Amino acid sequence: MPKPPQERYPTHLFPEIDADDEYQFAATAGQQAGRPYWMINLNVQGIRRLFADFLDRAEHDPRSLTQRSLNPSRARKLKRYILDETLPGNGFYILPPLVVSVDAEEYAFDEVADGMGHLTLPSDAQFWLGDGQHRAAGLLMAYLEAPALLQQETVGVMLLPDGGNQIRNRIFLDINANPSKPSKSLAVLFNDRDPMAAVTRTLIATGWIERFTNLERTTLPKQSPDLFTLNGWRDANYALLVNCPEAEWGDVAGRFWAAIAQAIPQWKQVARAGDKPINTQRLRQETICFHSITLAALGLLGQRLMSDQRSLTTLKGLKGVDWRRNNPDWEGLFLIEGRIVKNRQTTERLADYLYSKFVSG
């Protein structure tokens, strides 16, 4: 049972506004597809006034909301993100502008200069969040938890006039029809909050590794000149370092992968190539020692060595591995009907195979 509005939005945090008051905003006017729109900024008070009815709707019926139902857990996740990063001088969070349609019989935009001016909308205007309901809900939740931190915070809003609700369905559909998330490798490249990503970026700064690591793709096409992906390195480092104190990550990873590069002949060949051309396509097609499943399995192997307090010198046993793709040992281990299957189970099987046959003795 949802709380009544006076409990959800207590008056000491959200002063009451006369329902007959017009909406007035400082705004910048723009145009797309011949249609006007305005860019405005809203603080938490404005978000509550414009969108409380939308966000607090008891029945989350997509047909009436003109978009997906509000997911409370997603809103709470955004709340946590905002609160964790709202630190004066140090914190950083970003909420992209909300996209909102407004159903109003009339509006007035009084231009002051160069498309900037004052926008006035009637008190009975209806606002529909076409994109950004979780951002709006998360900011409200964060304010309710820490009002002193967020009193001055604002979020941008793209406001589109939509008399008769002609375009509000299109707004949600067009924005969400073709989403494109950054690849996992790009997330590793740019994520300065993830210490494992930072260790991985430092690791690939090693000349030969950087030369053969793709910084954008999560998987490599057959014709790629690269041998590794940045995300593959991050996953391998996680497997290696998950039980290791964070202060030791850089040193442990550096020593371990240097030992691997000396132990696997194909790695050693690439590491010593310098600027000489390497047929990387042939290496990836004919061997499995550069594939992401092998990287991850090697990381697990290193984790086990540390757990068993064994020396890195035992990795010399990897010189005896037949890394050719047509090695019959791979079939059923991680090669299923000739295709590499990478998941937790097959990665662990490969790590167990390498450890028991070539390292533990």
Protein backbone atom coordinates (compact mmCIF):
# COMPACT_ATOMS: atom_id res chain seq x y z
CA MET A 1 0.00 0.00 0.00
CA PRO A 2 1.67 3.26 -1.07
CA LYS A 3 2.09 6.02 1.48
CA PRO A 4 -0.14 9.10 1.14
CA PRO A 5 1.54 12.11 -0.53
CA GLN A 6 2.00 14.00 2.77
CA GLU A 7 4.11 11.10 4.08
CA ARG A 8 6.05 10.45 0.88
CA TYR A 9 6.85 14.14 0.47
CA PRO A 10 6.82 15.80 3.93
CA THR A 11 6.19 19.54 3.90
CA HIS A 12 9.44 20.38 5.71
CA LEU A 13 11.26 19.06 2.63
CA PHE A 14 8.68 19.88 -0.04
CA PRO A 15 6.77 23.10 0.68
CA GLU A 16 3.22 23.11 -0.60
CA ILE A 17 2.54 24.93 -3.88
CA ASP A 18 -0.80 26.39 -4.79
CA ALA A 19 -2.36 24.13 -7.41
CA ASP A 20 -3.51 27.20 -9.35
CA ASP A 21 0.01 28.58 -9.76
CA GLU A 22 1.34 28.65 -13.29
CA TYR A 23 4.56 26.86 -14.19
CA GLN A 24 7.37 29.29 -14.90
CA PHE A 25 10.85 28.34 -16.07
CA ALA A 26 14.00 29.95 -17.36
CA ALA A 27 14.39 28.17 -20.69
CA THR A 28 16.32 27.91 -23.92
CA ALA A 29 14.28 27.33 -27.06
CA GLY A 30 15.30 24.89 -29.77
CA GLN A 31 13.85 23.04 -32.75
CA GLN A 32 13.96 19.48 -34.10
CA ALA A 33 12.04 18.19 -37.13
CA GLY A 34 10.39 21.60 -37.33
CA ARG A 35 8.93 21.22 -33.83
CA PRO A 36 9.86 23.49 -30.92
CA TYR A 37 11.26 22.27 -27.62
CA TRP A 38 12.75 23.91 -24.53
CA MET A 39 15.67 23.06 -22.29
CA ILE A 40 15.13 23.79 -18.61
CA ASN A 41 16.71 22.84 -15.28
CA LEU A 42 14.75 21.38 -12.37
CA ASN A 43 15.73 21.03 -8.74
CA VAL A 44 14.18 18.36 -6.52
CA GLN A 45 11.25 20.63 -5.72
CA GLY A 46 10.49 21.01 -9.41
CA ILE A 47 10.82 17.29 -10.03
CA ARG A 48 8.35 16.56 -7.26
CA ARG A 49 5.87 19.12 -8.59
CA LEU A 50 6.01 18.03 -12.22
CA PHE A 51 6.36 14.27 -11.85
CA ALA A 52 5.04 13.13 -8.46
CA ASP A 53 1.72 11.98 -9.92
CA PHE A 54 3.52 10.09 -12.66
CA LEU A 55 6.10 8.43 -10.38
CA ASP A 56 3.72 7.61 -7.54
CA ARG A 57 1.08 6.01 -9.68
CA ALA A 58 -0.17 2.92 -7.89
CA GLU A 59 -1.03 0.97 -11.03
CA HIS A 60 2.00 0.74 -13.26
CA ASP A 61 0.21 -0.05 -16.50
CA PRO A 62 2.54 0.62 -19.47
CA ARG A 63 -0.47 1.59 -21.60
CA SER A 64 -1.34 4.47 -19.30
CA LEU A 65 2.25 5.40 -18.45
CA THR A 66 3.26 5.43 -22.15
CA GLN A 67 6.47 3.67 -21.21
CA ARG A 68 7.79 0.77 -19.12
CA SER A 69 6.72 0.40 -15.50
CA LEU A 70 8.89 2.00 -12.86
CA ASN A 71 11.35 -0.49 -11.39
CA PRO A 72 11.91 0.49 -7.73
CA SER A 73 15.17 -1.46 -7.46
CA ARG A 74 16.62 0.40 -10.45
CA ALA A 75 15.57 3.73 -8.90
CA ARG A 76 17.22 2.73 -5.61
CA LYS A 77 20.41 1.81 -7.46
CA LEU A 78 20.49 5.31 -8.98
CA LYS A 79 19.80 6.79 -5.55
CA ARG A 80 22.84 4.98 -4.19
CA TYR A 81 24.94 6.11 -7.14
CA ILE A 82 23.97 9.75 -6.52
CA LEU A 83 24.55 9.63 -2.77
CA ASP A 84 27.88 7.85 -3.10
CA GLU A 85 29.12 10.55 -5.47
CA THR A 86 27.66 13.69 -3.86
CA LEU A 87 30.85 14.80 -2.14
CA PRO A 88 31.75 18.51 -2.37
CA GLY A 89 34.93 18.93 -4.37
CA ASN A 90 35.51 15.21 -4.89
CA GLY A 91 32.35 13.49 -6.05
CA PHE A 92 31.11 13.11 -9.59
CA TYR A 93 27.83 11.79 -10.91
CA ILE A 94 25.95 12.52 -14.09
CA LEU A 95 22.28 12.30 -14.89
CA PRO A 96 21.47 12.88 -18.58
CA PRO A 97 18.54 15.21 -19.26
CA LEU A 98 15.02 13.91 -18.82
CA VAL A 99 12.84 13.97 -21.91
CA VAL A 100 9.32 15.14 -21.15
CA SER A 101 6.22 15.90 -23.17
CA VAL A 102 3.73 18.44 -21.87
CA ASP A 103 0.05 18.47 -22.73
CA ALA A 104 -1.12 22.06 -22.44
CA GLU A 105 -3.70 24.09 -24.35
CA GLU A 106 -1.37 27.06 -24.57
CA TYR A 107 2.08 28.23 -23.58
CA ALA A 108 4.03 31.48 -23.62
CA PHE A 109 7.71 31.84 -24.33
CA ASP A 110 9.08 35.35 -23.82
CA GLU A 111 12.47 35.50 -25.51
CA VAL A 112 15.06 37.69 -23.86
CA ALA A 113 18.06 37.03 -26.14
CA ASP A 114 19.28 34.39 -28.62
CA GLY A 115 16.64 31.77 -27.86
CA MET A 116 16.84 32.26 -24.10
CA GLY A 117 13.86 33.49 -22.18
CA HIS A 118 10.98 32.66 -19.84
CA LEU A 119 8.53 29.82 -20.43
CA THR A 120 5.09 29.91 -18.85
CA LEU A 121 2.71 26.94 -18.84
CA PRO A 122 -0.81 26.78 -17.36
CA SER A 123 -1.38 25.19 -13.96
CA ASP A 124 -3.36 22.31 -15.48
CA ALA A 125 -0.52 21.24 -17.82
CA GLN A 126 0.17 17.51 -17.74
CA PHE A 127 3.76 16.26 -17.87
CA TRP A 128 4.78 12.82 -19.16
CA LEU A 129 8.24 11.37 -18.62
CA GLY A 130 9.14 9.79 -21.92
CA ASP A 131 12.70 9.09 -20.82
CA GLY A 132 14.27 9.38 -17.38
CA GLN A 133 11.67 8.19 -14.87
CA HIS A 134 14.27 6.18 -12.93
CA ARG A 135 16.67 9.13 -12.87
CA ALA A 136 13.91 11.38 -11.54
CA ALA A 137 12.79 8.82 -8.95
CA GLY A 138 16.38 8.11 -7.89
CA LEU A 139 17.10 11.81 -7.35
CA LEU A 140 13.94 12.22 -5.27
CA MET A 141 14.86 9.16 -3.18
CA ALA A 142 18.37 10.52 -2.66
CA TYR A 143 17.00 13.89 -1.56
CA LEU A 144 14.65 12.25 0.95
CA GLU A 145 17.64 10.44 2.45
CA ALA A 146 20.12 13.33 2.42
CA PRO A 147 18.30 16.65 1.81
CA ALA A 148 21.20 18.84 2.90
CA LEU A 149 23.49 17.35 0.24
CA LEU A 150 21.02 17.68 -2.62
CA GLN A 151 19.18 20.92 -1.92
CA GLN A 152 20.98 22.75 -4.73
CA GLU A 153 21.24 19.86 -7.22
CA THR A 154 19.50 20.11 -10.58
CA VAL A 155 18.83 17.92 -13.61
CA GLY A 156 18.30 19.06 -17.18
CA VAL A 157 14.97 18.54 -18.93
CA MET A 158 14.12 18.54 -22.61
CA LEU A 159 10.50 19.70 -22.70
CA LEU A 160 8.41 19.08 -25.81
CA PRO A 161 4.96 20.63 -26.31
CA ASP A 162 2.46 17.88 -27.04
CA GLY A 163 -1.09 19.19 -27.12
CA GLY A 164 -3.48 16.25 -27.24
CA ASN A 165 -0.71 13.74 -26.47
CA GLN A 166 0.21 13.19 -30.10
CA ILE A 167 3.87 12.24 -29.69
CA ARG A 168 4.38 10.96 -26.15
CA ASN A 169 4.32 7.29 -27.25
CA ARG A 170 6.88 7.98 -29.96
CA ILE A 171 9.25 9.65 -27.50
CA PHE A 172 9.76 6.53 -25.43
CA LEU A 173 9.87 4.22 -28.44
CA ASP A 174 12.31 6.29 -30.50
CA ILE A 175 14.72 6.82 -27.62
CA ASN A 176 14.73 3.17 -26.56
CA ALA A 177 14.26 1.36 -29.88
CA ASN A 178 17.98 1.18 -30.70
CA PRO A 179 20.00 1.55 -27.50
CA SER A 180 23.74 1.10 -27.80
CA LYS A 181 25.64 0.40 -24.59
CA PRO A 182 29.40 0.81 -24.49
CA SER A 183 31.28 -2.45 -24.87
CA LYS A 184 32.72 -4.16 -21.80
CA SER A 185 36.21 -3.31 -23.01
CA LEU A 186 35.41 0.39 -23.27
CA ALA A 187 33.94 0.25 -19.77
CA VAL A 188 37.28 -1.11 -18.53
CA LEU A 189 39.16 1.57 -20.46
CA PHE A 190 37.21 4.49 -18.98
CA ASN A 191 36.10 3.25 -15.55
CA ASP A 192 38.14 5.11 -12.93
CA ARG A 193 36.03 3.76 -10.05
CA ASP A 194 36.97 0.11 -10.61
CA PRO A 195 40.41 -0.70 -9.14
CA MET A 196 40.53 -3.96 -11.12
CA ALA A 197 40.09 -1.95 -14.32
CA ALA A 198 42.90 0.37 -13.21
CA VAL A 199 45.26 -2.57 -12.62
CA THR A 200 44.33 -3.95 -16.03
CA ARG A 201 45.03 -0.63 -17.78
CA THR A 202 48.45 -0.52 -16.10
CA LEU A 203 49.16 -4.08 -17.14
CA ILE A 204 48.40 -3.54 -20.81
CA ALA A 205 50.72 -0.52 -20.85
CA THR A 206 53.44 -3.17 -21.23
CA GLY A 207 54.53 -2.59 -24.81
CA TRP A 208 53.85 -5.95 -26.42
CA ILE A 209 50.52 -6.47 -24.61
CA GLU A 210 49.18 -3.07 -25.60
CA ARG A 211 50.21 -3.66 -29.21
CA PHE A 212 48.01 -6.77 -29.43
CA THR A 213 45.07 -5.76 -27.20
CA ASN A 214 41.86 -4.36 -28.66
CA LEU A 215 40.58 -1.57 -26.40
CA GLU A 216 37.02 -1.48 -27.74
CA ARG A 217 35.73 -4.91 -28.70
CA THR A 218 34.44 -7.60 -26.36
CA THR A 219 35.07 -10.33 -28.96
CA LEU A 220 37.49 -10.39 -31.87
CA PRO A 221 36.47 -11.09 -35.47
CA LYS A 222 38.49 -13.63 -37.45
CA GLN A 223 40.35 -10.97 -39.40
CA SER A 224 41.38 -8.94 -36.35
CA PRO A 225 45.09 -8.08 -36.04
CA ASP A 226 44.72 -8.29 -32.24
CA LEU A 227 45.21 -11.24 -29.89
CA PHE A 228 43.42 -10.05 -26.76
CA THR A 229 40.55 -7.81 -25.65
CA LEU A 230 40.81 -5.38 -22.76
CA ASN A 231 37.76 -6.96 -21.15
CA GLY A 232 39.41 -10.39 -21.46
CA TRP A 233 42.37 -9.08 -19.48
CA ARG A 234 40.10 -7.60 -16.83
CA ASP A 235 38.25 -10.90 -16.37
CA ALA A 236 41.54 -12.78 -16.15
CA ASN A 237 42.90 -10.37 -13.55
CA TYR A 238 39.73 -10.73 -11.52
CA ALA A 239 40.15 -14.52 -11.52
CA LEU A 240 43.79 -14.14 -10.49
CA LEU A 241 43.42 -11.45 -7.82
CA VAL A 242 39.98 -11.99 -6.27
CA ASN A 243 41.47 -13.39 -3.03
CA CYS A 244 44.52 -11.12 -3.01
CA PRO A 245 44.81 -7.87 -0.96
CA GLU A 246 44.14 -4.90 -3.23
CA ALA A 247 47.44 -3.23 -2.30
CA GLU A 248 49.27 -6.18 -3.90
CA TRP A 249 47.26 -6.42 -7.12
CA GLY A 250 49.66 -4.53 -9.36
CA ASP A 251 52.77 -6.40 -8.23
CA VAL A 252 51.10 -9.85 -8.28
CA ALA A 253 49.56 -9.34 -11.72
CA GLY A 254 52.77 -7.97 -13.21
CA ARG A 255 54.91 -10.87 -11.98
CA PHE A 256 52.35 -13.53 -12.85
CA TRP A 257 51.72 -12.47 -16.44
CA ALA A 258 55.44 -11.93 -17.04
CA ALA A 259 55.99 -15.53 -15.93
CA ILE A 260 53.20 -16.70 -18.25
CA ALA A 261 54.82 -14.85 -21.17
CA GLN A 262 58.04 -16.82 -20.55
CA ALA A 263 56.27 -20.14 -20.04
CA ILE A 264 54.05 -20.31 -23.14
CA PRO A 265 56.20 -20.48 -26.31
CA GLN A 266 53.68 -18.62 -28.49
CA TRP A 267 53.44 -15.79 -25.94
CA LYS A 268 57.22 -15.64 -25.74
CA GLN A 269 57.41 -15.40 -29.53
CA VAL A 270 54.98 -12.47 -29.60
CA ALA A 271 56.62 -10.70 -26.65
CA ARG A 272 60.01 -10.82 -28.35
CA ALA A 273 58.74 -9.75 -31.77
CA GLY A 274 59.13 -6.03 -31.10
CA ASP A 275 57.91 -4.16 -34.16
CA LYS A 276 58.29 -7.15 -36.46
CA PRO A 277 55.09 -8.30 -38.19
CA ILE A 278 53.21 -11.17 -36.54
CA ASN A 279 50.57 -13.30 -38.22
CA THR A 280 48.11 -12.89 -35.38
CA GLN A 281 45.20 -14.29 -37.37
CA ARG A 282 47.05 -17.55 -37.86
CA LEU A 283 48.00 -17.70 -34.17
CA ARG A 284 44.38 -17.31 -33.08
CA GLN A 285 43.10 -19.77 -35.67
CA GLU A 286 45.67 -22.49 -34.99
CA THR A 287 46.16 -22.18 -31.21
CA ILE A 288 43.97 -21.44 -28.20
CA CYS A 289 46.59 -19.84 -25.94
CA PHE A 290 45.49 -16.26 -26.71
CA HIS A 291 41.75 -16.78 -26.40
CA SER A 292 39.77 -15.18 -23.58
CA ILE A 293 38.88 -18.57 -22.08
CA THR A 294 42.58 -19.35 -21.78
CA LEU A 295 43.30 -15.96 -20.19
CA ALA A 296 40.57 -16.55 -17.62
CA ALA A 297 41.75 -20.13 -16.98
CA LEU A 298 45.31 -18.90 -16.49
CA GLY A 299 44.00 -16.36 -13.98
CA LEU A 300 42.28 -19.17 -12.06
CA LEU A 301 45.49 -21.17 -12.27
CA GLY A 302 47.41 -18.28 -10.68
CA GLN A 303 44.79 -17.97 -7.95
CA ARG A 304 45.25 -21.66 -7.13
CA LEU A 305 49.04 -21.33 -7.07
CA MET A 306 48.77 -18.55 -4.50
CA SER A 307 46.24 -20.53 -2.47
CA ASP A 308 48.60 -23.53 -2.44
CA GLN A 309 51.60 -21.24 -1.78
CA ARG A 310 53.42 -22.55 -4.83
CA SER A 311 56.17 -20.70 -6.68
CA LEU A 312 55.71 -19.07 -10.08
CA THR A 313 58.58 -21.24 -11.29
CA THR A 314 56.10 -24.13 -11.50
CA LEU A 315 54.51 -22.30 -14.46
CA LYS A 316 57.44 -23.54 -16.55
CA GLY A 317 55.44 -26.73 -16.90
CA LEU A 318 53.12 -24.88 -19.30
CA LYS A 319 55.85 -25.26 -21.94
CA GLY A 320 54.67 -28.84 -22.30
CA VAL A 321 51.07 -27.93 -23.21
CA ASP A 322 49.97 -28.65 -26.76
CA TRP A 323 48.21 -25.34 -27.40
CA ARG A 324 47.16 -26.25 -30.93
CA ARG A 325 43.45 -25.90 -31.49
CA ASN A 326 43.25 -29.46 -32.86
CA ASN A 327 44.62 -30.97 -29.66
CA PRO A 328 42.12 -33.78 -28.93
CA ASP A 329 42.32 -33.01 -25.19
CA TRP A 330 40.25 -29.86 -25.74
CA GLU A 331 37.18 -31.69 -27.06
CA GLY A 332 34.66 -32.00 -24.26
CA LEU A 333 36.81 -29.83 -22.01
CA PHE A 334 35.82 -26.50 -23.52
CA LEU A 335 35.62 -27.37 -27.22
CA ILE A 336 32.15 -28.64 -28.05
CA GLU A 337 31.78 -30.04 -31.58
CA GLY A 338 34.73 -27.95 -32.69
CA ARG A 339 33.48 -24.67 -31.17
CA ILE A 340 34.95 -22.91 -28.14
CA VAL A 341 32.37 -22.58 -25.37
CA LYS A 342 33.37 -20.07 -22.70
CA ASN A 343 31.48 -20.14 -19.44
CA ARG A 344 32.36 -20.63 -15.81
CA GLN A 345 32.28 -24.42 -16.02
CA THR A 346 34.47 -24.77 -19.12
CA THR A 347 36.92 -22.15 -17.81
CA GLU A 348 37.30 -24.06 -14.54
CA ARG A 349 37.76 -27.34 -16.43
CA LEU A 350 40.58 -25.84 -18.49
CA ALA A 351 42.23 -24.42 -15.36
CA ASP A 352 41.97 -27.81 -13.62
CA TYR A 353 43.48 -29.52 -16.67
CA LEU A 354 46.46 -27.15 -16.79
CA TYR A 355 47.06 -27.36 -13.06
CA SER A 356 46.82 -31.12 -12.67
CA LYS A 357 48.79 -32.09 -15.78
CA PHE A 358 51.45 -29.39 -16.12
CA VAL A 359 51.87 -27.37 -12.93
CA SER A 360 51.13 -29.38 -9.80
CA GLY A 361 53.74 -32.07 -10.34
